[in-house]
Amino acid sequence: MNFITNNLNCKMIQSIDQLNIPIMQKHHVRILAHCLELLRSISDDHISLLETEDLLKEWCNNQSRRLNDQNFSDLLYEQLVLTAKKLNNFAQKIGKKVNDLDINDLVYLVQES
């Protein structure tokens, strides 16, 4: 599997940087946006993000091979699964599909936390 590891484009990064929120919240939005884009690239439109755990585990293992660090893979996988669950719960709460979340939704999620 050759998944793109950096899915945030310059336009998205610039739009986050221009938000009128504290810098720590911007950072949190950037992390969530990156995770969301990564999860979108791994998942199929016909399955939920939570059903992609095997693909996610494989992606993390591939990343750890590049760094020769299995502990990194395990930690990254654990964090991405938690993030996928958080995004899924939030999407259900606001009546959207996870793949339909946008920057405004992520800002709302961060500000609500």
PDB file of N, CA and C in Angstrom:
ATOM      1  N   MET A   1       0.834  -1.185   0.000  1.00  0.00           N
ATOM      2  CA  MET A   1       0.000   0.000   0.000  1.00  0.00           C
ATOM      3  C   MET A   1       0.874   1.242   0.000  1.00  0.00           C
ATOM      4  N   ASN A   2       0.564   2.137  -0.882  1.00  0.00           N
ATOM      5  CA  ASN A   2       1.280   3.410  -0.931  1.00  0.00           C
ATOM      6  C   ASN A   2       0.322   4.532  -0.602  1.00  0.00           C
ATOM      7  N   PHE A   3       0.141   4.799   0.678  1.00  0.00           N
ATOM      8  CA  PHE A   3      -0.726   5.887   1.098  1.00  0.00           C
ATOM      9  C   PHE A   3       0.105   7.154   1.221  1.00  0.00           C
ATOM     10  N   ILE A   4      -0.497   8.242   0.816  1.00  0.00           N
ATOM     11  CA  ILE A   4       0.160   9.542   0.949  1.00  0.00           C
ATOM     12  C   ILE A   4       0.124   9.934   2.415  1.00  0.00           C
ATOM     13  N   THR A   5       1.272  10.306   2.953  1.00  0.00           N
ATOM     14  CA  THR A   5       1.329  10.594   4.385  1.00  0.00           C
ATOM     15  C   THR A   5       1.019  12.037   4.720  1.00  0.00           C
ATOM     16  N   ASN A   6       1.101  12.926   3.752  1.00  0.00           N
ATOM     17  CA  ASN A   6       0.813  14.329   4.046  1.00  0.00           C
ATOM     18  C   ASN A   6      -0.293  14.799   3.126  1.00  0.00           C
ATOM     19  N   ASN A   7      -1.524  14.733   3.603  1.00  0.00           N
ATOM     20  CA  ASN A   7      -2.676  15.028   2.771  1.00  0.00           C
ATOM     21  C   ASN A   7      -3.194  16.451   2.887  1.00  0.00           C
ATOM     22  N   LEU A   8      -2.642  17.230   3.788  1.00  0.00           N
ATOM     23  CA  LEU A   8      -3.102  18.600   3.911  1.00  0.00           C
ATOM     24  C   LEU A   8      -2.481  19.447   2.812  1.00  0.00           C
ATOM     25  N   ASN A   9      -3.318  20.137   2.071  1.00  0.00           N
ATOM     26  CA  ASN A   9      -2.779  20.995   1.025  1.00  0.00           C
ATOM     27  C   ASN A   9      -2.539  22.397   1.574  1.00  0.00           C
ATOM     28  N   CYS A  10      -1.832  23.186   0.828  1.00  0.00           N
ATOM     29  CA  CYS A  10      -1.468  24.534   1.280  1.00  0.00           C
ATOM     30  C   CYS A  10      -2.694  25.394   1.559  1.00  0.00           C
ATOM     31  N   LYS A  11      -3.724  25.256   0.732  1.00  0.00           N
ATOM     32  CA  LYS A  11      -4.932  26.056   0.917  1.00  0.00           C
ATOM     33  C   LYS A  11      -5.584  25.735   2.266  1.00  0.00           C
ATOM     34  N   MET A  12      -5.640  24.463   2.616  1.00  0.00           N
ATOM     35  CA  MET A  12      -6.241  24.061   3.885  1.00  0.00           C
ATOM     36  C   MET A  12      -5.415  24.578   5.061  1.00  0.00           C
ATOM     37  N   ILE A  13      -4.100  24.464   4.959  1.00  0.00           N
ATOM     38  CA  ILE A  13      -3.221  24.946   6.026  1.00  0.00           C
ATOM     39  C   ILE A  13      -3.378  26.450   6.204  1.00  0.00           C
ATOM     40  N   GLN A  14      -3.427  27.178   5.094  1.00  0.00           N
ATOM     41  CA  GLN A  14      -3.602  28.627   5.161  1.00  0.00           C
ATOM     42  C   GLN A  14      -4.945  28.992   5.779  1.00  0.00           C
ATOM     43  N   SER A  15      -5.986  28.244   5.439  1.00  0.00           N
ATOM     44  CA  SER A  15      -7.303  28.564   6.009  1.00  0.00           C
ATOM     45  C   SER A  15      -7.318  28.324   7.521  1.00  0.00           C
ATOM     46  N   ILE A  16      -6.604  27.313   7.978  1.00  0.00           N
ATOM     47  CA  ILE A  16      -6.505  27.065   9.423  1.00  0.00           C
ATOM     48  C   ILE A  16      -5.698  28.176  10.083  1.00  0.00           C
ATOM     49  N   ASP A  17      -4.595  28.570   9.452  1.00  0.00           N
ATOM     50  CA  ASP A  17      -3.751  29.625  10.014  1.00  0.00           C
ATOM     51  C   ASP A  17      -4.491  30.956  10.126  1.00  0.00           C
ATOM     52  N   GLN A  18      -5.472  31.192   9.271  1.00  0.00           N
ATOM     53  CA  GLN A  18      -6.210  32.460   9.277  1.00  0.00           C
ATOM     54  C   GLN A  18      -7.386  32.467  10.240  1.00  0.00           C
ATOM     55  N   LEU A  19      -7.634  31.337  10.899  1.00  0.00           N
ATOM     56  CA  LEU A  19      -8.736  31.280  11.860  1.00  0.00           C
ATOM     57  C   LEU A  19      -8.482  32.221  13.031  1.00  0.00           C
ATOM     58  N   ASN A  20      -9.527  32.784  13.560  1.00  0.00           N
ATOM     59  CA  ASN A  20      -9.426  33.682  14.702  1.00  0.00           C
ATOM     60  C   ASN A  20      -9.648  32.890  15.994  1.00  0.00           C
ATOM     61  N   ILE A  21      -8.717  31.969  16.245  1.00  0.00           N
ATOM     62  CA  ILE A  21      -8.757  31.148  17.456  1.00  0.00           C
ATOM     63  C   ILE A  21      -7.341  31.094  18.027  1.00  0.00           C
ATOM     64  N   PRO A  22      -7.197  30.757  19.301  1.00  0.00           N
ATOM     65  CA  PRO A  22      -5.861  30.668  19.899  1.00  0.00           C
ATOM     66  C   PRO A  22      -4.962  29.677  19.151  1.00  0.00           C
ATOM     67  N   ILE A  23      -3.674  29.918  19.209  1.00  0.00           N
ATOM     68  CA  ILE A  23      -2.706  29.123  18.460  1.00  0.00           C
ATOM     69  C   ILE A  23      -2.751  27.632  18.829  1.00  0.00           C
ATOM     70  N   MET A  24      -2.996  27.320  20.086  1.00  0.00           N
ATOM     71  CA  MET A  24      -3.081  25.908  20.483  1.00  0.00           C
ATOM     72  C   MET A  24      -4.298  25.244  19.853  1.00  0.00           C
ATOM     73  N   GLN A  25      -5.391  25.979  19.719  1.00  0.00           N
ATOM     74  CA  GLN A  25      -6.565  25.425  19.056  1.00  0.00           C
ATOM     75  C   GLN A  25      -6.299  25.236  17.563  1.00  0.00           C
ATOM     76  N   LYS A  26      -5.567  26.167  16.951  1.00  0.00           N
ATOM     77  CA  LYS A  26      -5.190  26.010  15.537  1.00  0.00           C
ATOM     78  C   LYS A  26      -4.366  24.742  15.357  1.00  0.00           C
ATOM     79  N   HIS A  27      -3.440  24.535  16.265  1.00  0.00           N
ATOM     80  CA  HIS A  27      -2.590  23.342  16.199  1.00  0.00           C
ATOM     81  C   HIS A  27      -3.448  22.078  16.311  1.00  0.00           C
ATOM     82  N   HIS A  28      -4.380  22.077  17.234  1.00  0.00           N
ATOM     83  CA  HIS A  28      -5.266  20.929  17.417  1.00  0.00           C
ATOM     84  C   HIS A  28      -6.109  20.707  16.157  1.00  0.00           C
ATOM     85  N   VAL A  29      -6.612  21.772  15.548  1.00  0.00           N
ATOM     86  CA  VAL A  29      -7.387  21.659  14.309  1.00  0.00           C
ATOM     87  C   VAL A  29      -6.516  21.075  13.195  1.00  0.00           C
ATOM     88  N   ARG A  30      -5.261  21.530  13.088  1.00  0.00           N
ATOM     89  CA  ARG A  30      -4.342  20.996  12.068  1.00  0.00           C
ATOM     90  C   ARG A  30      -4.124  19.498  12.260  1.00  0.00           C
ATOM     91  N   ILE A  31      -3.939  19.083  13.501  1.00  0.00           N
ATOM     92  CA  ILE A  31      -3.730  17.653  13.783  1.00  0.00           C
ATOM     93  C   ILE A  31      -4.979  16.861  13.405  1.00  0.00           C
ATOM     94  N   LEU A  32      -6.143  17.338  13.816  1.00  0.00           N
ATOM     95  CA  LEU A  32      -7.388  16.646  13.472  1.00  0.00           C
ATOM     96  C   LEU A  32      -7.602  16.607  11.957  1.00  0.00           C
ATOM     97  N   ALA A  33      -7.306  17.717  11.286  1.00  0.00           N
ATOM     98  CA  ALA A  33      -7.472  17.770   9.828  1.00  0.00           C
ATOM     99  C   ALA A  33      -6.542  16.774   9.148  1.00  0.00           C
ATOM    100  N   HIS A  34      -5.306  16.705   9.612  1.00  0.00           N
ATOM    101  CA  HIS A  34      -4.361  15.754   9.029  1.00  0.00           C
ATOM    102  C   HIS A  34      -4.846  14.322   9.254  1.00  0.00           C
ATOM    103  N   CYS A  35      -5.268  14.025  10.466  1.00  0.00           N
ATOM    104  CA  CYS A  35      -5.775  12.675  10.768  1.00  0.00           C
ATOM    105  C   CYS A  35      -6.998  12.355   9.927  1.00  0.00           C
ATOM    106  N   LEU A  36      -7.907  13.316   9.798  1.00  0.00           N
ATOM    107  CA  LEU A  36      -9.107  13.104   9.001  1.00  0.00           C
ATOM    108  C   LEU A  36      -8.751  12.805   7.545  1.00  0.00           C
ATOM    109  N   GLU A  37      -7.831  13.566   6.984  1.00  0.00           N
ATOM    110  CA  GLU A  37      -7.424  13.332   5.595  1.00  0.00           C
ATOM    111  C   GLU A  37      -6.733  11.980   5.439  1.00  0.00           C
ATOM    112  N   LEU A  38      -5.925  11.617   6.410  1.00  0.00           N
ATOM    113  CA  LEU A  38      -5.274  10.309   6.387  1.00  0.00           C
ATOM    114  C   LEU A  38      -6.311   9.198   6.444  1.00  0.00           C
ATOM    115  N   LEU A  39      -7.259   9.322   7.346  1.00  0.00           N
ATOM    116  CA  LEU A  39      -8.311   8.316   7.476  1.00  0.00           C
ATOM    117  C   LEU A  39      -9.169   8.243   6.221  1.00  0.00           C
ATOM    118  N   ARG A  40      -9.431   9.386   5.598  1.00  0.00           N
ATOM    119  CA  ARG A  40     -10.182   9.390   4.332  1.00  0.00           C
ATOM    120  C   ARG A  40      -9.404   8.649   3.244  1.00  0.00           C
ATOM    121  N   SER A  41      -8.099   8.851   3.213  1.00  0.00           N
ATOM    122  CA  SER A  41      -7.299   8.208   2.164  1.00  0.00           C
ATOM    123  C   SER A  41      -7.217   6.698   2.358  1.00  0.00           C
ATOM    124  N   ILE A  42      -7.330   6.256   3.597  1.00  0.00           N
ATOM    125  CA  ILE A  42      -7.260   4.827   3.895  1.00  0.00           C
ATOM    126  C   ILE A  42      -8.615   4.161   3.710  1.00  0.00           C
ATOM    127  N   SER A  43      -9.674   4.880   4.049  1.00  0.00           N
ATOM    128  CA  SER A  43     -10.999   4.260   4.051  1.00  0.00           C
ATOM    129  C   SER A  43     -11.630   4.286   2.671  1.00  0.00           C
ATOM    130  N   ASP A  44     -12.602   3.449   2.515  1.00  0.00           N
ATOM    131  CA  ASP A  44     -13.431   3.373   1.322  1.00  0.00           C
ATOM    132  C   ASP A  44     -14.709   4.132   1.647  1.00  0.00           C
ATOM    133  N   ASP A  45     -15.299   4.784   0.669  1.00  0.00           N
ATOM    134  CA  ASP A  45     -16.532   5.540   0.917  1.00  0.00           C
ATOM    135  C   ASP A  45     -17.669   4.659   1.433  1.00  0.00           C
ATOM    136  N   HIS A  46     -17.586   3.364   1.200  1.00  0.00           N
ATOM    137  CA  HIS A  46     -18.680   2.471   1.552  1.00  0.00           C
ATOM    138  C   HIS A  46     -18.537   1.861   2.951  1.00  0.00           C
ATOM    139  N   ILE A  47     -17.424   2.114   3.623  1.00  0.00           N
ATOM    140  CA  ILE A  47     -17.240   1.584   4.972  1.00  0.00           C
ATOM    141  C   ILE A  47     -16.938   2.733   5.914  1.00  0.00           C
ATOM    142  N   SER A  48     -17.244   2.545   7.177  1.00  0.00           N
ATOM    143  CA  SER A  48     -16.980   3.606   8.145  1.00  0.00           C
ATOM    144  C   SER A  48     -15.494   3.634   8.489  1.00  0.00           C
ATOM    145  N   LEU A  49     -15.074   4.760   9.028  1.00  0.00           N
ATOM    146  CA  LEU A  49     -13.675   4.888   9.416  1.00  0.00           C
ATOM    147  C   LEU A  49     -13.297   3.868  10.480  1.00  0.00           C
ATOM    148  N   LEU A  50     -14.254   3.530  11.337  1.00  0.00           N
ATOM    149  CA  LEU A  50     -13.950   2.569  12.390  1.00  0.00           C
ATOM    150  C   LEU A  50     -13.744   1.162  11.834  1.00  0.00           C
ATOM    151  N   GLU A  51     -14.265   0.900  10.655  1.00  0.00           N
ATOM    152  CA  GLU A  51     -14.080  -0.408  10.023  1.00  0.00           C
ATOM    153  C   GLU A  51     -12.757  -0.503   9.269  1.00  0.00           C
ATOM    154  N   THR A  52     -11.990   0.548   9.297  1.00  0.00           N
ATOM    155  CA  THR A  52     -10.728   0.560   8.569  1.00  0.00           C
ATOM    156  C   THR A  52      -9.542   0.217   9.472  1.00  0.00           C
ATOM    157  N   GLU A  53      -9.809  -0.322  10.660  1.00  0.00           N
ATOM    158  CA  GLU A  53      -8.737  -0.544  11.624  1.00  0.00           C
ATOM    159  C   GLU A  53      -7.629  -1.446  11.072  1.00  0.00           C
ATOM    160  N   ASP A  54      -7.986  -2.476  10.293  1.00  0.00           N
ATOM    161  CA  ASP A  54      -6.953  -3.339   9.713  1.00  0.00           C
ATOM    162  C   ASP A  54      -6.084  -2.562   8.723  1.00  0.00           C
ATOM    163  N   LEU A  55      -6.732  -1.742   7.898  1.00  0.00           N
ATOM    164  CA  LEU A  55      -5.976  -0.916   6.947  1.00  0.00           C
ATOM    165  C   LEU A  55      -5.113   0.097   7.689  1.00  0.00           C
ATOM    166  N   LEU A  56      -5.658   0.634   8.751  1.00  0.00           N
ATOM    167  CA  LEU A  56      -4.920   1.607   9.560  1.00  0.00           C
ATOM    168  C   LEU A  56      -3.706   0.955  10.208  1.00  0.00           C
ATOM    169  N   LYS A  57      -3.882  -0.241  10.731  1.00  0.00           N
ATOM    170  CA  LYS A  57      -2.771  -0.969  11.347  1.00  0.00           C
ATOM    171  C   LYS A  57      -1.689  -1.239  10.303  1.00  0.00           C
ATOM    172  N   GLU A  58      -2.097  -1.640   9.114  1.00  0.00           N
ATOM    173  CA  GLU A  58      -1.135  -1.893   8.044  1.00  0.00           C
ATOM    174  C   GLU A  58      -0.397  -0.614   7.652  1.00  0.00           C
ATOM    175  N   TRP A  59      -1.121   0.499   7.566  1.00  0.00           N
ATOM    176  CA  TRP A  59      -0.494   1.767   7.220  1.00  0.00           C
ATOM    177  C   TRP A  59       0.544   2.153   8.284  1.00  0.00           C
ATOM    178  N   CYS A  60       0.175   2.010   9.556  1.00  0.00           N
ATOM    179  CA  CYS A  60       1.098   2.340  10.652  1.00  0.00           C
ATOM    180  C   CYS A  60       2.332   1.447  10.618  1.00  0.00           C
ATOM    181  N   ASN A  61       2.140   0.170  10.353  1.00  0.00           N
ATOM    182  CA  ASN A  61       3.280  -0.750  10.256  1.00  0.00           C
ATOM    183  C   ASN A  61       4.206  -0.362   9.116  1.00  0.00           C
ATOM    184  N   ASN A  62       3.627   0.064   7.998  1.00  0.00           N
ATOM    185  CA  ASN A  62       4.450   0.506   6.870  1.00  0.00           C
ATOM    186  C   ASN A  62       5.258   1.749   7.244  1.00  0.00           C
ATOM    187  N   GLN A  63       4.633   2.656   7.989  1.00  0.00           N
ATOM    188  CA  GLN A  63       5.355   3.857   8.425  1.00  0.00           C
ATOM    189  C   GLN A  63       6.481   3.501   9.382  1.00  0.00           C
ATOM    190  N   SER A  64       6.233   2.550  10.278  1.00  0.00           N
ATOM    191  CA  SER A  64       7.257   2.188  11.265  1.00  0.00           C
ATOM    192  C   SER A  64       8.434   1.478  10.606  1.00  0.00           C
ATOM    193  N   ARG A  65       8.169   0.748   9.519  1.00  0.00           N
ATOM    194  CA  ARG A  65       9.281   0.090   8.808  1.00  0.00           C
ATOM    195  C   ARG A  65      10.247   1.127   8.252  1.00  0.00           C
ATOM    196  N   ARG A  66       9.711   2.232   7.799  1.00  0.00           N
ATOM    197  CA  ARG A  66      10.563   3.314   7.288  1.00  0.00           C
ATOM    198  C   ARG A  66      11.485   3.846   8.378  1.00  0.00           C
ATOM    199  N   LEU A  67      10.972   3.852   9.607  1.00  0.00           N
ATOM    200  CA  LEU A  67      11.744   4.374  10.738  1.00  0.00           C
ATOM    201  C   LEU A  67      12.389   3.268  11.560  1.00  0.00           C
ATOM    202  N   ASN A  68      12.080   2.032  11.208  1.00  0.00           N
ATOM    203  CA  ASN A  68      12.582   0.870  11.941  1.00  0.00           C
ATOM    204  C   ASN A  68      12.247   0.986  13.434  1.00  0.00           C
ATOM    205  N   ASP A  69      10.962   1.242  13.707  1.00  0.00           N
ATOM    206  CA  ASP A  69      10.536   1.484  15.089  1.00  0.00           C
ATOM    207  C   ASP A  69       9.118   0.962  15.294  1.00  0.00           C
ATOM    208  N   GLN A  70       8.973  -0.245  15.796  1.00  0.00           N
ATOM    209  CA  GLN A  70       7.657  -0.841  16.013  1.00  0.00           C
ATOM    210  C   GLN A  70       6.883  -0.119  17.105  1.00  0.00           C
ATOM    211  N   ASN A  71       7.576   0.394  18.115  1.00  0.00           N
ATOM    212  CA  ASN A  71       6.889   1.146  19.167  1.00  0.00           C
ATOM    213  C   ASN A  71       6.170   2.362  18.595  1.00  0.00           C
ATOM    214  N   PHE A  72       6.800   2.997  17.609  1.00  0.00           N
ATOM    215  CA  PHE A  72       6.184   4.133  16.940  1.00  0.00           C
ATOM    216  C   PHE A  72       4.886   3.685  16.275  1.00  0.00           C
ATOM    217  N   SER A  73       4.919   2.563  15.590  1.00  0.00           N
ATOM    218  CA  SER A  73       3.739   2.046  14.906  1.00  0.00           C
ATOM    219  C   SER A  73       2.601   1.803  15.876  1.00  0.00           C
ATOM    220  N   ASP A  74       2.896   1.167  16.989  1.00  0.00           N
ATOM    221  CA  ASP A  74       1.865   0.858  17.980  1.00  0.00           C
ATOM    222  C   ASP A  74       1.245   2.124  18.555  1.00  0.00           C
ATOM    223  N   LEU A  75       2.079   3.104  18.888  1.00  0.00           N
ATOM    224  CA  LEU A  75       1.594   4.361  19.450  1.00  0.00           C
ATOM    225  C   LEU A  75       0.792   5.154  18.407  1.00  0.00           C
ATOM    226  N   LEU A  76       1.299   5.222  17.194  1.00  0.00           N
ATOM    227  CA  LEU A  76       0.601   5.940  16.133  1.00  0.00           C
ATOM    228  C   LEU A  76      -0.755   5.301  15.864  1.00  0.00           C
ATOM    229  N   TYR A  77      -0.784   3.983  15.792  1.00  0.00           N
ATOM    230  CA  TYR A  77      -2.035   3.264  15.571  1.00  0.00           C
ATOM    231  C   TYR A  77      -3.036   3.565  16.691  1.00  0.00           C
ATOM    232  N   GLU A  78      -2.585   3.483  17.912  1.00  0.00           N
ATOM    233  CA  GLU A  78      -3.454   3.735  19.069  1.00  0.00           C
ATOM    234  C   GLU A  78      -4.042   5.145  19.005  1.00  0.00           C
ATOM    235  N   GLN A  79      -3.209   6.129  18.689  1.00  0.00           N
ATOM    236  CA  GLN A  79      -3.668   7.513  18.633  1.00  0.00           C
ATOM    237  C   GLN A  79      -4.629   7.744  17.466  1.00  0.00           C
ATOM    238  N   LEU A  80      -4.354   7.120  16.311  1.00  0.00           N
ATOM    239  CA  LEU A  80      -5.237   7.298  15.158  1.00  0.00           C
ATOM    240  C   LEU A  80      -6.589   6.626  15.384  1.00  0.00           C
ATOM    241  N   VAL A  81      -6.601   5.490  16.057  1.00  0.00           N
ATOM    242  CA  VAL A  81      -7.869   4.823  16.362  1.00  0.00           C
ATOM    243  C   VAL A  81      -8.691   5.700  17.314  1.00  0.00           C
ATOM    244  N   LEU A  82      -8.045   6.268  18.319  1.00  0.00           N
ATOM    245  CA  LEU A  82      -8.752   7.165  19.242  1.00  0.00           C
ATOM    246  C   LEU A  82      -9.304   8.393  18.508  1.00  0.00           C
ATOM    247  N   THR A  83      -8.508   8.928  17.600  1.00  0.00           N
ATOM    248  CA  THR A  83      -8.943  10.093  16.831  1.00  0.00           C
ATOM    249  C   THR A  83     -10.105   9.723  15.914  1.00  0.00           C
ATOM    250  N   ALA A  84     -10.034   8.558  15.279  1.00  0.00           N
ATOM    251  CA  ALA A  84     -11.127   8.103  14.409  1.00  0.00           C
ATOM    252  C   ALA A  84     -12.416   7.974  15.207  1.00  0.00           C
ATOM    253  N   LYS A  85     -12.327   7.439  16.403  1.00  0.00           N
ATOM    254  CA  LYS A  85     -13.518   7.302  17.251  1.00  0.00           C
ATOM    255  C   LYS A  85     -14.062   8.672  17.653  1.00  0.00           C
ATOM    256  N   LYS A  86     -13.160   9.588  17.994  1.00  0.00           N
ATOM    257  CA  LYS A  86     -13.580  10.938  18.376  1.00  0.00           C
ATOM    258  C   LYS A  86     -14.280  11.626  17.201  1.00  0.00           C
ATOM    259  N   LEU A  87     -13.703  11.516  16.010  1.00  0.00           N
ATOM    260  CA  LEU A  87     -14.307  12.122  14.829  1.00  0.00           C
ATOM    261  C   LEU A  87     -15.643  11.466  14.503  1.00  0.00           C
ATOM    262  N   ASN A  88     -15.714  10.158  14.631  1.00  0.00           N
ATOM    263  CA  ASN A  88     -16.951   9.438  14.350  1.00  0.00           C
ATOM    264  C   ASN A  88     -18.053   9.853  15.325  1.00  0.00           C
ATOM    265  N   ASN A  89     -17.744   9.902  16.610  1.00  0.00           N
ATOM    266  CA  ASN A  89     -18.732  10.314  17.616  1.00  0.00           C
ATOM    267  C   ASN A  89     -19.212  11.739  17.374  1.00  0.00           C
ATOM    268  N   PHE A  90     -18.269  12.615  17.048  1.00  0.00           N
ATOM    269  CA  PHE A  90     -18.625  14.007  16.791  1.00  0.00           C
ATOM    270  C   PHE A  90     -19.511  14.119  15.554  1.00  0.00           C
ATOM    271  N   ALA A  91     -19.153  13.401  14.494  1.00  0.00           N
ATOM    272  CA  ALA A  91     -19.940  13.445  13.261  1.00  0.00           C
ATOM    273  C   ALA A  91     -21.372  12.973  13.521  1.00  0.00           C
ATOM    274  N   GLN A  92     -21.516  11.908  14.289  1.00  0.00           N
ATOM    275  CA  GLN A  92     -22.859  11.430  14.631  1.00  0.00           C
ATOM    276  C   GLN A  92     -23.623  12.485  15.422  1.00  0.00           C
ATOM    277  N   LYS A  93     -22.940  13.137  16.331  1.00  0.00           N
ATOM    278  CA  LYS A  93     -23.571  14.157  17.181  1.00  0.00           C
ATOM    279  C   LYS A  93     -24.134  15.307  16.353  1.00  0.00           C
ATOM    280  N   ILE A  94     -23.405  15.707  15.307  1.00  0.00           N
ATOM    281  CA  ILE A  94     -23.862  16.842  14.494  1.00  0.00           C
ATOM    282  C   ILE A  94     -24.619  16.399  13.237  1.00  0.00           C
ATOM    283  N   GLY A  95     -24.835  15.090  13.103  1.00  0.00           N
ATOM    284  CA  GLY A  95     -25.641  14.582  11.993  1.00  0.00           C
ATOM    285  C   GLY A  95     -24.947  14.555  10.648  1.00  0.00           C
ATOM    286  N   LYS A  96     -23.647  14.320  10.653  1.00  0.00           N
ATOM    287  CA  LYS A  96     -22.887  14.234   9.411  1.00  0.00           C
ATOM    288  C   LYS A  96     -22.180  12.895   9.331  1.00  0.00           C
ATOM    289  N   LYS A  97     -21.735  12.556   8.135  1.00  0.00           N
ATOM    290  CA  LYS A  97     -20.830  11.429   7.963  1.00  0.00           C
ATOM    291  C   LYS A  97     -19.421  11.948   8.217  1.00  0.00           C
ATOM    292  N   VAL A  98     -18.561  11.080   8.730  1.00  0.00           N
ATOM    293  CA  VAL A  98     -17.193  11.494   9.041  1.00  0.00           C
ATOM    294  C   VAL A  98     -16.514  12.081   7.805  1.00  0.00           C
ATOM    295  N   ASN A  99     -16.688  11.435   6.666  1.00  0.00           N
ATOM    296  CA  ASN A  99     -16.028  11.920   5.449  1.00  0.00           C
ATOM    297  C   ASN A  99     -16.526  13.283   4.993  1.00  0.00           C
ATOM    298  N   ASP A 100     -17.646  13.753   5.557  1.00  0.00           N
ATOM    299  CA  ASP A 100     -18.198  15.056   5.190  1.00  0.00           C
ATOM    300  C   ASP A 100     -17.791  16.172   6.151  1.00  0.00           C
ATOM    301  N   LEU A 101     -17.039  15.845   7.199  1.00  0.00           N
ATOM    302  CA  LEU A 101     -16.582  16.877   8.123  1.00  0.00           C
ATOM    303  C   LEU A 101     -15.673  17.862   7.394  1.00  0.00           C
ATOM    304  N   ASP A 102     -15.755  19.126   7.791  1.00  0.00           N
ATOM    305  CA  ASP A 102     -14.896  20.151   7.195  1.00  0.00           C
ATOM    306  C   ASP A 102     -14.165  20.916   8.293  1.00  0.00           C
ATOM    307  N   ILE A 103     -13.404  21.898   7.889  1.00  0.00           N
ATOM    308  CA  ILE A 103     -12.603  22.678   8.837  1.00  0.00           C
ATOM    309  C   ILE A 103     -13.485  23.330   9.900  1.00  0.00           C
ATOM    310  N   ASN A 104     -14.619  23.871   9.499  1.00  0.00           N
ATOM    311  CA  ASN A 104     -15.510  24.503  10.476  1.00  0.00           C
ATOM    312  C   ASN A 104     -15.976  23.510  11.528  1.00  0.00           C
ATOM    313  N   ASP A 105     -16.248  22.281  11.104  1.00  0.00           N
ATOM    314  CA  ASP A 105     -16.648  21.247  12.058  1.00  0.00           C
ATOM    315  C   ASP A 105     -15.515  20.940  13.032  1.00  0.00           C
ATOM    316  N   LEU A 106     -14.294  20.869  12.503  1.00  0.00           N
ATOM    317  CA  LEU A 106     -13.146  20.574  13.364  1.00  0.00           C
ATOM    318  C   LEU A 106     -12.905  21.694  14.368  1.00  0.00           C
ATOM    319  N   VAL A 107     -13.092  22.928  13.934  1.00  0.00           N
ATOM    320  CA  VAL A 107     -12.954  24.066  14.850  1.00  0.00           C
ATOM    321  C   VAL A 107     -13.995  23.955  15.950  1.00  0.00           C
ATOM    322  N   TYR A 108     -15.222  23.641  15.589  1.00  0.00           N
ATOM    323  CA  TYR A 108     -16.289  23.486  16.579  1.00  0.00           C
ATOM    324  C   TYR A 108     -15.939  22.367  17.561  1.00  0.00           C
ATOM    325  N   LEU A 109     -15.424  21.262  17.052  1.00  0.00           N
ATOM    326  CA  LEU A 109     -15.027  20.140  17.911  1.00  0.00           C
ATOM    327  C   LEU A 109     -13.942  20.560  18.899  1.00  0.00           C
ATOM    328  N   VAL A 110     -12.950  21.288  18.413  1.00  0.00           N
ATOM    329  CA  VAL A 110     -11.840  21.734  19.272  1.00  0.00           C
ATOM    330  C   VAL A 110     -12.348  22.719  20.310  1.00  0.00           C
ATOM    331  N   GLN A 111     -13.184  23.636  19.919  1.00  0.00           N
ATOM    332  CA  GLN A 111     -13.679  24.645  20.860  1.00  0.00           C
ATOM    333  C   GLN A 111     -14.615  24.039  21.893  1.00  0.00           C
ATOM    334  N   GLU A 112     -15.288  22.973  21.523  1.00  0.00           N
ATOM    335  CA  GLU A 112     -16.202  22.301  22.445  1.00  0.00           C
ATOM    336  C   GLU A 112     -15.442  21.461  23.472  1.00  0.00           C
ATOM    337  N   SER A 113     -14.242  21.053  23.139  1.00  0.00           N
ATOM    338  CA  SER A 113     -13.453  20.185  24.025  1.00  0.00           C
ATOM    339  C   SER A 113     -12.943  20.935  25.240  1.00  0.00           C
TER     340      SER A 113
END
